[in-house]
Amino acid sequence: MWRYIMPVLMLMASNCVMTYAWYGHLKNMNDKAWWITALVSWSIALMEYMIMVPANRLGFQVYTLPQLKIIQEVISLSVFIPFAVYFMGQPWKWDFLWAALCMLGAVYFMFRD
């Protein structure tokens, strides 16, 4: 069972780090030059890759490539929405829910036999 769960947990961790690398600078480094921000973001992204690459290698042993990709996309949306609302102070929108429901449809199509 851990062969199925561990890649998902690792992808969740990597996505939390990557979401911060992609968007955290918009809140925390607005006053810095873009190239400084890029270097900081790249260093954070390196940490993300150190988690994501082994997660994908483990995941590819038990999931197909399309399944692995849709897992990542669902995780990405699941991480991004709370990040946007709570960390970045964006207002909640019902469109977040509708987007999540569309993703569930995508999951169905990727995992059906």
PDB file of N, CA and C in Angstrom:
ATOM      1  N   MET A   1       0.815  -1.199   0.000  1.00  0.00           N
ATOM      2  CA  MET A   1       0.000   0.000   0.000  1.00  0.00           C
ATOM      3  C   MET A   1       0.862   1.267   0.000  1.00  0.00           C
ATOM      4  N   TRP A   2       2.015   1.209   0.716  1.00  0.00           N
ATOM      5  CA  TRP A   2       2.897   2.380   0.778  1.00  0.00           C
ATOM      6  C   TRP A   2       3.450   2.745  -0.593  1.00  0.00           C
ATOM      7  N   ARG A   3       3.541   1.759  -1.487  1.00  0.00           N
ATOM      8  CA  ARG A   3       4.033   2.040  -2.844  1.00  0.00           C
ATOM      9  C   ARG A   3       3.106   2.998  -3.578  1.00  0.00           C
ATOM     10  N   TYR A   4       1.825   2.989  -3.216  1.00  0.00           N
ATOM     11  CA  TYR A   4       0.846   3.891  -3.831  1.00  0.00           C
ATOM     12  C   TYR A   4       0.747   5.227  -3.095  1.00  0.00           C
ATOM     13  N   ILE A   5       0.913   5.184  -1.784  1.00  0.00           N
ATOM     14  CA  ILE A   5       0.722   6.381  -0.957  1.00  0.00           C
ATOM     15  C   ILE A   5       1.964   7.264  -0.914  1.00  0.00           C
ATOM     16  N   MET A   6       3.132   6.662  -0.809  1.00  0.00           N
ATOM     17  CA  MET A   6       4.368   7.439  -0.648  1.00  0.00           C
ATOM     18  C   MET A   6       4.612   8.419  -1.794  1.00  0.00           C
ATOM     19  N   PRO A   7       4.445   8.019  -3.052  1.00  0.00           N
ATOM     20  CA  PRO A   7       4.651   9.011  -4.127  1.00  0.00           C
ATOM     21  C   PRO A   7       3.675  10.181  -4.024  1.00  0.00           C
ATOM     22  N   VAL A   8       2.445   9.910  -3.633  1.00  0.00           N
ATOM     23  CA  VAL A   8       1.443  10.974  -3.503  1.00  0.00           C
ATOM     24  C   VAL A   8       1.833  11.926  -2.380  1.00  0.00           C
ATOM     25  N   LEU A   9       2.267  11.394  -1.246  1.00  0.00           N
ATOM     26  CA  LEU A   9       2.689  12.246  -0.132  1.00  0.00           C
ATOM     27  C   LEU A   9       3.904  13.087  -0.521  1.00  0.00           C
ATOM     28  N   MET A  10       4.836  12.476  -1.239  1.00  0.00           N
ATOM     29  CA  MET A  10       6.024  13.214  -1.671  1.00  0.00           C
ATOM     30  C   MET A  10       5.652  14.298  -2.687  1.00  0.00           C
ATOM     31  N   LEU A  11       4.710  13.996  -3.588  1.00  0.00           N
ATOM     32  CA  LEU A  11       4.266  15.004  -4.550  1.00  0.00           C
ATOM     33  C   LEU A  11       3.532  16.142  -3.851  1.00  0.00           C
ATOM     34  N   MET A  12       2.806  15.832  -2.786  1.00  0.00           N
ATOM     35  CA  MET A  12       2.148  16.893  -2.014  1.00  0.00           C
ATOM     36  C   MET A  12       3.189  17.815  -1.389  1.00  0.00           C
ATOM     37  N   ALA A  13       4.215  17.225  -0.793  1.00  0.00           N
ATOM     38  CA  ALA A  13       5.279  18.029  -0.173  1.00  0.00           C
ATOM     39  C   ALA A  13       5.993  18.879  -1.226  1.00  0.00           C
ATOM     40  N   SER A  14       6.325  18.273  -2.345  1.00  0.00           N
ATOM     41  CA  SER A  14       7.046  19.016  -3.379  1.00  0.00           C
ATOM     42  C   SER A  14       6.190  20.148  -3.936  1.00  0.00           C
ATOM     43  N   ASN A  15       4.896  19.914  -4.053  1.00  0.00           N
ATOM     44  CA  ASN A  15       4.032  20.954  -4.600  1.00  0.00           C
ATOM     45  C   ASN A  15       3.877  22.122  -3.642  1.00  0.00           C
ATOM     46  N   CYS A  16       3.878  21.848  -2.350  1.00  0.00           N
ATOM     47  CA  CYS A  16       3.837  22.953  -1.377  1.00  0.00           C
ATOM     48  C   CYS A  16       5.065  23.844  -1.540  1.00  0.00           C
ATOM     49  N   VAL A  17       6.215  23.213  -1.679  1.00  0.00           N
ATOM     50  CA  VAL A  17       7.456  23.969  -1.850  1.00  0.00           C
ATOM     51  C   VAL A  17       7.430  24.733  -3.179  1.00  0.00           C
ATOM     52  N   MET A  18       6.998  24.075  -4.242  1.00  0.00           N
ATOM     53  CA  MET A  18       7.023  24.713  -5.559  1.00  0.00           C
ATOM     54  C   MET A  18       6.025  25.860  -5.655  1.00  0.00           C
ATOM     55  N   THR A  19       4.867  25.706  -5.053  1.00  0.00           N
ATOM     56  CA  THR A  19       3.891  26.793  -5.077  1.00  0.00           C
ATOM     57  C   THR A  19       4.474  28.033  -4.418  1.00  0.00           C
ATOM     58  N   TYR A  20       5.192  27.832  -3.320  1.00  0.00           N
ATOM     59  CA  TYR A  20       5.847  28.973  -2.669  1.00  0.00           C
ATOM     60  C   TYR A  20       6.938  29.556  -3.572  1.00  0.00           C
ATOM     61  N   ALA A  21       7.701  28.689  -4.241  1.00  0.00           N
ATOM     62  CA  ALA A  21       8.758  29.187  -5.142  1.00  0.00           C
ATOM     63  C   ALA A  21       8.159  29.997  -6.288  1.00  0.00           C
ATOM     64  N   TRP A  22       7.036  29.543  -6.829  1.00  0.00           N
ATOM     65  CA  TRP A  22       6.414  30.227  -7.960  1.00  0.00           C
ATOM     66  C   TRP A  22       5.755  31.540  -7.567  1.00  0.00           C
ATOM     67  N   TYR A  23       5.067  31.552  -6.427  1.00  0.00           N
ATOM     68  CA  TYR A  23       4.203  32.691  -6.103  1.00  0.00           C
ATOM     69  C   TYR A  23       4.540  33.422  -4.808  1.00  0.00           C
ATOM     70  N   GLY A  24       5.298  32.815  -3.912  1.00  0.00           N
ATOM     71  CA  GLY A  24       5.600  33.442  -2.632  1.00  0.00           C
ATOM     72  C   GLY A  24       6.329  34.762  -2.759  1.00  0.00           C
ATOM     73  N   HIS A  25       7.141  34.879  -3.797  1.00  0.00           N
ATOM     74  CA  HIS A  25       7.901  36.114  -3.998  1.00  0.00           C
ATOM     75  C   HIS A  25       6.985  37.309  -4.285  1.00  0.00           C
ATOM     76  N   LEU A  26       5.773  37.049  -4.786  1.00  0.00           N
ATOM     77  CA  LEU A  26       4.850  38.151  -5.070  1.00  0.00           C
ATOM     78  C   LEU A  26       4.446  38.880  -3.793  1.00  0.00           C
ATOM     79  N   LYS A  27       4.503  38.174  -2.678  1.00  0.00           N
ATOM     80  CA  LYS A  27       4.159  38.782  -1.393  1.00  0.00           C
ATOM     81  C   LYS A  27       5.407  39.194  -0.612  1.00  0.00           C
ATOM     82  N   ASN A  28       6.435  38.363  -0.662  1.00  0.00           N
ATOM     83  CA  ASN A  28       7.582  38.558   0.232  1.00  0.00           C
ATOM     84  C   ASN A  28       8.775  39.276  -0.384  1.00  0.00           C
ATOM     85  N   MET A  29       8.839  39.379  -1.703  1.00  0.00           N
ATOM     86  CA  MET A  29      10.039  39.964  -2.320  1.00  0.00           C
ATOM     87  C   MET A  29       9.677  41.019  -3.357  1.00  0.00           C
ATOM     88  N   ASN A  30       8.567  41.675  -3.182  1.00  0.00           N
ATOM     89  CA  ASN A  30       8.107  42.681  -4.133  1.00  0.00           C
ATOM     90  C   ASN A  30       9.092  43.832  -4.314  1.00  0.00           C
ATOM     91  N   ASP A  31       9.883  44.098  -3.295  1.00  0.00           N
ATOM     92  CA  ASP A  31      10.795  45.237  -3.341  1.00  0.00           C
ATOM     93  C   ASP A  31      12.188  44.863  -3.870  1.00  0.00           C
ATOM     94  N   LYS A  32      12.396  43.596  -4.242  1.00  0.00           N
ATOM     95  CA  LYS A  32      13.700  43.133  -4.720  1.00  0.00           C
ATOM     96  C   LYS A  32      13.742  43.137  -6.243  1.00  0.00           C
ATOM     97  N   ALA A  33      14.951  43.209  -6.782  1.00  0.00           N
ATOM     98  CA  ALA A  33      15.135  43.114  -8.233  1.00  0.00           C
ATOM     99  C   ALA A  33      14.676  41.742  -8.711  1.00  0.00           C
ATOM    100  N   TRP A  34      14.179  41.680  -9.950  1.00  0.00           N
ATOM    101  CA  TRP A  34      13.630  40.424 -10.456  1.00  0.00           C
ATOM    102  C   TRP A  34      14.668  39.305 -10.472  1.00  0.00           C
ATOM    103  N   TRP A  35      15.936  39.620 -10.743  1.00  0.00           N
ATOM    104  CA  TRP A  35      16.947  38.576 -10.837  1.00  0.00           C
ATOM    105  C   TRP A  35      17.294  38.000  -9.468  1.00  0.00           C
ATOM    106  N   ILE A  36      17.204  38.822  -8.422  1.00  0.00           N
ATOM    107  CA  ILE A  36      17.401  38.305  -7.056  1.00  0.00           C
ATOM    108  C   ILE A  36      16.258  37.367  -6.712  1.00  0.00           C
ATOM    109  N   THR A  37      15.052  37.802  -7.044  1.00  0.00           N
ATOM    110  CA  THR A  37      13.874  36.972  -6.806  1.00  0.00           C
ATOM    111  C   THR A  37      13.982  35.663  -7.574  1.00  0.00           C
ATOM    112  N   ALA A  38      14.450  35.711  -8.811  1.00  0.00           N
ATOM    113  CA  ALA A  38      14.606  34.499  -9.614  1.00  0.00           C
ATOM    114  C   ALA A  38      15.609  33.543  -8.975  1.00  0.00           C
ATOM    115  N   LEU A  39      16.730  34.063  -8.489  1.00  0.00           N
ATOM    116  CA  LEU A  39      17.728  33.206  -7.842  1.00  0.00           C
ATOM    117  C   LEU A  39      17.168  32.549  -6.581  1.00  0.00           C
ATOM    118  N   VAL A  40      16.430  33.313  -5.789  1.00  0.00           N
ATOM    119  CA  VAL A  40      15.814  32.751  -4.584  1.00  0.00           C
ATOM    120  C   VAL A  40      14.781  31.692  -4.968  1.00  0.00           C
ATOM    121  N   SER A  41      13.951  32.008  -5.959  1.00  0.00           N
ATOM    122  CA  SER A  41      12.940  31.047  -6.407  1.00  0.00           C
ATOM    123  C   SER A  41      13.576  29.778  -6.961  1.00  0.00           C
ATOM    124  N   TRP A  42      14.655  29.918  -7.718  1.00  0.00           N
ATOM    125  CA  TRP A  42      15.343  28.745  -8.263  1.00  0.00           C
ATOM    126  C   TRP A  42      15.929  27.886  -7.148  1.00  0.00           C
ATOM    127  N   SER A  43      16.445  28.523  -6.110  1.00  0.00           N
ATOM    128  CA  SER A  43      17.008  27.724  -5.010  1.00  0.00           C
ATOM    129  C   SER A  43      15.898  26.966  -4.280  1.00  0.00           C
ATOM    130  N   ILE A  44      14.744  27.589  -4.131  1.00  0.00           N
ATOM    131  CA  ILE A  44      13.596  26.890  -3.528  1.00  0.00           C
ATOM    132  C   ILE A  44      13.137  25.768  -4.454  1.00  0.00           C
ATOM    133  N   ALA A  45      13.099  26.047  -5.761  1.00  0.00           N
ATOM    134  CA  ALA A  45      12.678  25.042  -6.735  1.00  0.00           C
ATOM    135  C   ALA A  45      13.628  23.844  -6.744  1.00  0.00           C
ATOM    136  N   LEU A  46      14.912  24.064  -6.498  1.00  0.00           N
ATOM    137  CA  LEU A  46      15.856  22.949  -6.425  1.00  0.00           C
ATOM    138  C   LEU A  46      15.456  21.990  -5.305  1.00  0.00           C
ATOM    139  N   MET A  47      15.060  22.540  -4.169  1.00  0.00           N
ATOM    140  CA  MET A  47      14.599  21.686  -3.070  1.00  0.00           C
ATOM    141  C   MET A  47      13.366  20.889  -3.508  1.00  0.00           C
ATOM    142  N   GLU A  48      12.487  21.542  -4.255  1.00  0.00           N
ATOM    143  CA  GLU A  48      11.277  20.867  -4.734  1.00  0.00           C
ATOM    144  C   GLU A  48      11.635  19.714  -5.653  1.00  0.00           C
ATOM    145  N   TYR A  49      12.587  19.930  -6.537  1.00  0.00           N
ATOM    146  CA  TYR A  49      12.996  18.879  -7.463  1.00  0.00           C
ATOM    147  C   TYR A  49      13.620  17.698  -6.738  1.00  0.00           C
ATOM    148  N   MET A  50      14.280  17.948  -5.614  1.00  0.00           N
ATOM    149  CA  MET A  50      14.889  16.870  -4.837  1.00  0.00           C
ATOM    150  C   MET A  50      13.824  15.954  -4.234  1.00  0.00           C
ATOM    151  N   ILE A  51      12.606  16.439  -4.110  1.00  0.00           N
ATOM    152  CA  ILE A  51      11.488  15.621  -3.632  1.00  0.00           C
ATOM    153  C   ILE A  51      10.689  15.063  -4.812  1.00  0.00           C
ATOM    154  N   MET A  52      10.456  15.900  -5.816  1.00  0.00           N
ATOM    155  CA  MET A  52       9.582  15.530  -6.931  1.00  0.00           C
ATOM    156  C   MET A  52      10.170  14.434  -7.810  1.00  0.00           C
ATOM    157  N   VAL A  53      11.450  14.487  -8.119  1.00  0.00           N
ATOM    158  CA  VAL A  53      12.041  13.493  -9.015  1.00  0.00           C
ATOM    159  C   VAL A  53      11.948  12.089  -8.410  1.00  0.00           C
ATOM    160  N   PRO A  54      12.351  11.883  -7.145  1.00  0.00           N
ATOM    161  CA  PRO A  54      12.174  10.536  -6.577  1.00  0.00           C
ATOM    162  C   PRO A  54      10.695  10.144  -6.452  1.00  0.00           C
ATOM    163  N   ALA A  55       9.825  11.116  -6.191  1.00  0.00           N
ATOM    164  CA  ALA A  55       8.393  10.812  -6.100  1.00  0.00           C
ATOM    165  C   ALA A  55       7.873  10.289  -7.432  1.00  0.00           C
ATOM    166  N   ASN A  56       8.270  10.923  -8.521  1.00  0.00           N
ATOM    167  CA  ASN A  56       7.836  10.464  -9.837  1.00  0.00           C
ATOM    168  C   ASN A  56       8.439   9.104 -10.194  1.00  0.00           C
ATOM    169  N   ARG A  57       9.654   8.881  -9.803  1.00  0.00           N
ATOM    170  CA  ARG A  57      10.271   7.574 -10.072  1.00  0.00           C
ATOM    171  C   ARG A  57       9.550   6.466  -9.306  1.00  0.00           C
ATOM    172  N   LEU A  58       9.240   6.738  -8.036  1.00  0.00           N
ATOM    173  CA  LEU A  58       8.486   5.753  -7.252  1.00  0.00           C
ATOM    174  C   LEU A  58       7.078   5.581  -7.816  1.00  0.00           C
ATOM    175  N   GLY A  59       6.450   6.684  -8.142  1.00  0.00           N
ATOM    176  CA  GLY A  59       5.082   6.642  -8.636  1.00  0.00           C
ATOM    177  C   GLY A  59       4.956   5.923  -9.960  1.00  0.00           C
ATOM    178  N   PHE A  60       5.959   6.044 -10.820  1.00  0.00           N
ATOM    179  CA  PHE A  60       5.911   5.419 -12.134  1.00  0.00           C
ATOM    180  C   PHE A  60       5.982   3.893 -12.044  1.00  0.00           C
ATOM    181  N   GLN A  61       6.373   3.387 -10.878  1.00  0.00           N
ATOM    182  CA  GLN A  61       6.387   1.933 -10.671  1.00  0.00           C
ATOM    183  C   GLN A  61       4.980   1.378 -10.454  1.00  0.00           C
ATOM    184  N   VAL A  62       4.047   2.228 -10.015  1.00  0.00           N
ATOM    185  CA  VAL A  62       2.695   1.740  -9.703  1.00  0.00           C
ATOM    186  C   VAL A  62       1.591   2.475 -10.460  1.00  0.00           C
ATOM    187  N   TYR A  63       1.886   3.618 -11.032  1.00  0.00           N
ATOM    188  CA  TYR A  63       0.908   4.395 -11.793  1.00  0.00           C
ATOM    189  C   TYR A  63       1.391   4.535 -13.231  1.00  0.00           C
ATOM    190  N   THR A  64       0.440   4.713 -14.143  1.00  0.00           N
ATOM    191  CA  THR A  64       0.825   5.040 -15.517  1.00  0.00           C
ATOM    192  C   THR A  64       1.254   6.505 -15.546  1.00  0.00           C
ATOM    193  N   LEU A  65       1.921   6.895 -16.614  1.00  0.00           N
ATOM    194  CA  LEU A  65       2.360   8.286 -16.736  1.00  0.00           C
ATOM    195  C   LEU A  65       1.176   9.261 -16.726  1.00  0.00           C
ATOM    196  N   PRO A  66       0.085   9.006 -17.464  1.00  0.00           N
ATOM    197  CA  PRO A  66      -1.067   9.915 -17.379  1.00  0.00           C
ATOM    198  C   PRO A  66      -1.683   9.971 -15.979  1.00  0.00           C
ATOM    199  N   GLN A  67      -1.716   8.838 -15.284  1.00  0.00           N
ATOM    200  CA  GLN A  67      -2.235   8.844 -13.918  1.00  0.00           C
ATOM    201  C   GLN A  67      -1.355   9.681 -12.997  1.00  0.00           C
ATOM    202  N   LEU A  68      -0.059   9.538 -13.157  1.00  0.00           N
ATOM    203  CA  LEU A  68       0.885  10.309 -12.355  1.00  0.00           C
ATOM    204  C   LEU A  68       0.705  11.804 -12.608  1.00  0.00           C
ATOM    205  N   LYS A  69       0.484  12.171 -13.854  1.00  0.00           N
ATOM    206  CA  LYS A  69       0.300  13.585 -14.199  1.00  0.00           C
ATOM    207  C   LYS A  69      -0.991  14.134 -13.603  1.00  0.00           C
ATOM    208  N   ILE A  70      -2.085  13.391 -13.671  1.00  0.00           N
ATOM    209  CA  ILE A  70      -3.345  13.911 -13.134  1.00  0.00           C
ATOM    210  C   ILE A  70      -3.296  13.973 -11.614  1.00  0.00           C
ATOM    211  N   ILE A  71      -2.584  13.049 -10.980  1.00  0.00           N
ATOM    212  CA  ILE A  71      -2.381  13.141  -9.526  1.00  0.00           C
ATOM    213  C   ILE A  71      -1.687  14.454  -9.202  1.00  0.00           C
ATOM    214  N   GLN A  72      -0.647  14.778  -9.958  1.00  0.00           N
ATOM    215  CA  GLN A  72       0.094  16.022  -9.740  1.00  0.00           C
ATOM    216  C   GLN A  72      -0.803  17.239  -9.944  1.00  0.00           C
ATOM    217  N   GLU A  73      -1.635  17.214 -10.955  1.00  0.00           N
ATOM    218  CA  GLU A  73      -2.518  18.361 -11.229  1.00  0.00           C
ATOM    219  C   GLU A  73      -3.545  18.551 -10.125  1.00  0.00           C
ATOM    220  N   VAL A  74      -4.095  17.460  -9.619  1.00  0.00           N
ATOM    221  CA  VAL A  74      -5.066  17.560  -8.517  1.00  0.00           C
ATOM    222  C   VAL A  74      -4.370  18.098  -7.266  1.00  0.00           C
ATOM    223  N   ILE A  75      -3.184  17.598  -6.993  1.00  0.00           N
ATOM    224  CA  ILE A  75      -2.422  18.100  -5.851  1.00  0.00           C
ATOM    225  C   ILE A  75      -2.130  19.582  -6.038  1.00  0.00           C
ATOM    226  N   SER A  76      -1.734  19.966  -7.237  1.00  0.00           N
ATOM    227  CA  SER A  76      -1.409  21.364  -7.510  1.00  0.00           C
ATOM    228  C   SER A  76      -2.585  22.289  -7.206  1.00  0.00           C
ATOM    229  N   LEU A  77      -3.763  21.923  -7.666  1.00  0.00           N
ATOM    230  CA  LEU A  77      -4.950  22.736  -7.392  1.00  0.00           C
ATOM    231  C   LEU A  77      -5.297  22.715  -5.904  1.00  0.00           C
ATOM    232  N   SER A  78      -5.152  21.557  -5.272  1.00  0.00           N
ATOM    233  CA  SER A  78      -5.465  21.419  -3.840  1.00  0.00           C
ATOM    234  C   SER A  78      -4.523  22.233  -2.965  1.00  0.00           C
ATOM    235  N   VAL A  79      -3.294  22.402  -3.409  1.00  0.00           N
ATOM    236  CA  VAL A  79      -2.318  23.214  -2.673  1.00  0.00           C
ATOM    237  C   VAL A  79      -2.504  24.694  -3.006  1.00  0.00           C
ATOM    238  N   PHE A  80      -2.723  24.986  -4.280  1.00  0.00           N
ATOM    239  CA  PHE A  80      -2.776  26.376  -4.718  1.00  0.00           C
ATOM    240  C   PHE A  80      -3.948  27.148  -4.120  1.00  0.00           C
ATOM    241  N   ILE A  81      -5.116  26.553  -4.052  1.00  0.00           N
ATOM    242  CA  ILE A  81      -6.287  27.288  -3.567  1.00  0.00           C
ATOM    243  C   ILE A  81      -6.102  27.752  -2.121  1.00  0.00           C
ATOM    244  N   PRO A  82      -5.750  26.871  -1.181  1.00  0.00           N
ATOM    245  CA  PRO A  82      -5.503  27.382   0.179  1.00  0.00           C
ATOM    246  C   PRO A  82      -4.358  28.392   0.239  1.00  0.00           C
ATOM    247  N   PHE A  83      -3.310  28.164  -0.558  1.00  0.00           N
ATOM    248  CA  PHE A  83      -2.191  29.107  -0.605  1.00  0.00           C
ATOM    249  C   PHE A  83      -2.677  30.481  -1.059  1.00  0.00           C
ATOM    250  N   ALA A  84      -3.458  30.512  -2.126  1.00  0.00           N
ATOM    251  CA  ALA A  84      -3.946  31.785  -2.665  1.00  0.00           C
ATOM    252  C   ALA A  84      -4.842  32.501  -1.666  1.00  0.00           C
ATOM    253  N   VAL A  85      -5.720  31.751  -1.011  1.00  0.00           N
ATOM    254  CA  VAL A  85      -6.689  32.369  -0.105  1.00  0.00           C
ATOM    255  C   VAL A  85      -6.033  32.769   1.218  1.00  0.00           C
ATOM    256  N   TYR A  86      -5.322  31.840   1.852  1.00  0.00           N
ATOM    257  CA  TYR A  86      -4.811  32.102   3.205  1.00  0.00           C
ATOM    258  C   TYR A  86      -3.470  32.829   3.225  1.00  0.00           C
ATOM    259  N   PHE A  87      -2.551  32.463   2.338  1.00  0.00           N
ATOM    260  CA  PHE A  87      -1.236  33.094   2.361  1.00  0.00           C
ATOM    261  C   PHE A  87      -1.208  34.387   1.560  1.00  0.00           C
ATOM    262  N   MET A  88      -1.806  34.358   0.375  1.00  0.00           N
ATOM    263  CA  MET A  88      -1.757  35.530  -0.514  1.00  0.00           C
ATOM    264  C   MET A  88      -2.942  36.477  -0.317  1.00  0.00           C
ATOM    265  N   GLY A  89      -3.941  36.062   0.463  1.00  0.00           N
ATOM    266  CA  GLY A  89      -5.061  36.948   0.769  1.00  0.00           C
ATOM    267  C   GLY A  89      -6.032  37.152  -0.386  1.00  0.00           C
ATOM    268  N   GLN A  90      -6.066  36.205  -1.311  1.00  0.00           N
ATOM    269  CA  GLN A  90      -7.020  36.302  -2.416  1.00  0.00           C
ATOM    270  C   GLN A  90      -8.415  35.922  -1.924  1.00  0.00           C
ATOM    271  N   PRO A  91      -9.454  36.523  -2.468  1.00  0.00           N
ATOM    272  CA  PRO A  91     -10.802  36.177  -2.021  1.00  0.00           C
ATOM    273  C   PRO A  91     -11.211  34.785  -2.506  1.00  0.00           C
ATOM    274  N   TRP A  92     -12.008  34.105  -1.690  1.00  0.00           N
ATOM    275  CA  TRP A  92     -12.565  32.812  -2.077  1.00  0.00           C
ATOM    276  C   TRP A  92     -13.528  33.021  -3.239  1.00  0.00           C
ATOM    277  N   LYS A  93     -13.477  32.120  -4.208  1.00  0.00           N
ATOM    278  CA  LYS A  93     -14.406  32.153  -5.327  1.00  0.00           C
ATOM    279  C   LYS A  93     -14.992  30.763  -5.514  1.00  0.00           C
ATOM    280  N   TRP A  94     -16.257  30.706  -5.842  1.00  0.00           N
ATOM    281  CA  TRP A  94     -16.891  29.413  -6.117  1.00  0.00           C
ATOM    282  C   TRP A  94     -16.257  28.741  -7.328  1.00  0.00           C
ATOM    283  N   ASP A  95     -15.609  29.502  -8.175  1.00  0.00           N
ATOM    284  CA  ASP A  95     -14.935  28.924  -9.335  1.00  0.00           C
ATOM    285  C   ASP A  95     -13.866  27.912  -8.916  1.00  0.00           C
ATOM    286  N   PHE A  96     -13.307  28.079  -7.719  1.00  0.00           N
ATOM    287  CA  PHE A  96     -12.338  27.109  -7.219  1.00  0.00           C
ATOM    288  C   PHE A  96     -12.998  25.735  -7.083  1.00  0.00           C
ATOM    289  N   LEU A  97     -14.206  25.716  -6.564  1.00  0.00           N
ATOM    290  CA  LEU A  97     -14.935  24.461  -6.403  1.00  0.00           C
ATOM    291  C   LEU A  97     -15.263  23.858  -7.766  1.00  0.00           C
ATOM    292  N   TRP A  98     -15.729  24.676  -8.685  1.00  0.00           N
ATOM    293  CA  TRP A  98     -16.077  24.160 -10.009  1.00  0.00           C
ATOM    294  C   TRP A  98     -14.832  23.600 -10.711  1.00  0.00           C
ATOM    295  N   ALA A  99     -13.710  24.265 -10.558  1.00  0.00           N
ATOM    296  CA  ALA A  99     -12.470  23.767 -11.146  1.00  0.00           C
ATOM    297  C   ALA A  99     -12.094  22.416 -10.533  1.00  0.00           C
ATOM    298  N   ALA A 100     -12.273  22.288  -9.226  1.00  0.00           N
ATOM    299  CA  ALA A 100     -11.973  21.023  -8.548  1.00  0.00           C
ATOM    300  C   ALA A 100     -12.885  19.909  -9.059  1.00  0.00           C
ATOM    301  N   LEU A 101     -14.144  20.217  -9.290  1.00  0.00           N
ATOM    302  CA  LEU A 101     -15.059  19.206  -9.824  1.00  0.00           C
ATOM    303  C   LEU A 101     -14.656  18.782 -11.237  1.00  0.00           C
ATOM    304  N   CYS A 102     -14.193  19.718 -12.034  1.00  0.00           N
ATOM    305  CA  CYS A 102     -13.686  19.370 -13.363  1.00  0.00           C
ATOM    306  C   CYS A 102     -12.476  18.445 -13.250  1.00  0.00           C
ATOM    307  N   MET A 103     -11.614  18.712 -12.272  1.00  0.00           N
ATOM    308  CA  MET A 103     -10.445  17.856 -12.066  1.00  0.00           C
ATOM    309  C   MET A 103     -10.865  16.445 -11.667  1.00  0.00           C
ATOM    310  N   LEU A 104     -11.924  16.324 -10.869  1.00  0.00           N
ATOM    311  CA  LEU A 104     -12.414  14.991 -10.507  1.00  0.00           C
ATOM    312  C   LEU A 104     -12.850  14.229 -11.750  1.00  0.00           C
ATOM    313  N   GLY A 105     -13.457  14.927 -12.693  1.00  0.00           N
ATOM    314  CA  GLY A 105     -13.803  14.284 -13.954  1.00  0.00           C
ATOM    315  C   GLY A 105     -12.569  13.801 -14.680  1.00  0.00           C
ATOM    316  N   ALA A 106     -11.515  14.603 -14.680  1.00  0.00           N
ATOM    317  CA  ALA A 106     -10.260  14.212 -15.322  1.00  0.00           C
ATOM    318  C   ALA A 106      -9.662  12.987 -14.629  1.00  0.00           C
ATOM    319  N   VAL A 107      -9.739  12.952 -13.309  1.00  0.00           N
ATOM    320  CA  VAL A 107      -9.243  11.794 -12.555  1.00  0.00           C
ATOM    321  C   VAL A 107      -9.996  10.533 -12.995  1.00  0.00           C
ATOM    322  N   TYR A 108     -11.308  10.655 -13.104  1.00  0.00           N
ATOM    323  CA  TYR A 108     -12.114   9.511 -13.532  1.00  0.00           C
ATOM    324  C   TYR A 108     -11.608   8.968 -14.867  1.00  0.00           C
ATOM    325  N   PHE A 109     -11.412   9.830 -15.834  1.00  0.00           N
ATOM    326  CA  PHE A 109     -11.009   9.375 -17.156  1.00  0.00           C
ATOM    327  C   PHE A 109      -9.594   8.791 -17.165  1.00  0.00           C
ATOM    328  N   MET A 110      -8.710   9.306 -16.340  1.00  0.00           N
ATOM    329  CA  MET A 110      -7.338   8.787 -16.302  1.00  0.00           C
ATOM    330  C   MET A 110      -7.241   7.448 -15.586  1.00  0.00           C
ATOM    331  N   PHE A 111      -8.151   7.195 -14.631  1.00  0.00           N
ATOM    332  CA  PHE A 111      -8.042   5.979 -13.829  1.00  0.00           C
ATOM    333  C   PHE A 111      -9.034   4.889 -14.240  1.00  0.00           C
ATOM    334  N   ARG A 112      -9.941   5.158 -15.121  1.00  0.00           N
ATOM    335  CA  ARG A 112     -10.891   4.105 -15.511  1.00  0.00           C
ATOM    336  C   ARG A 112     -10.167   3.080 -16.381  1.00  0.00           C
ATOM    337  N   ASP A 113     -10.663   1.877 -16.329  1.00  0.00           N
ATOM    338  CA  ASP A 113     -10.053   0.794 -17.116  1.00  0.00           C
ATOM    339  C   ASP A 113     -10.616   0.738 -18.514  1.00  0.00           C
TER     340      ASP A 113
END
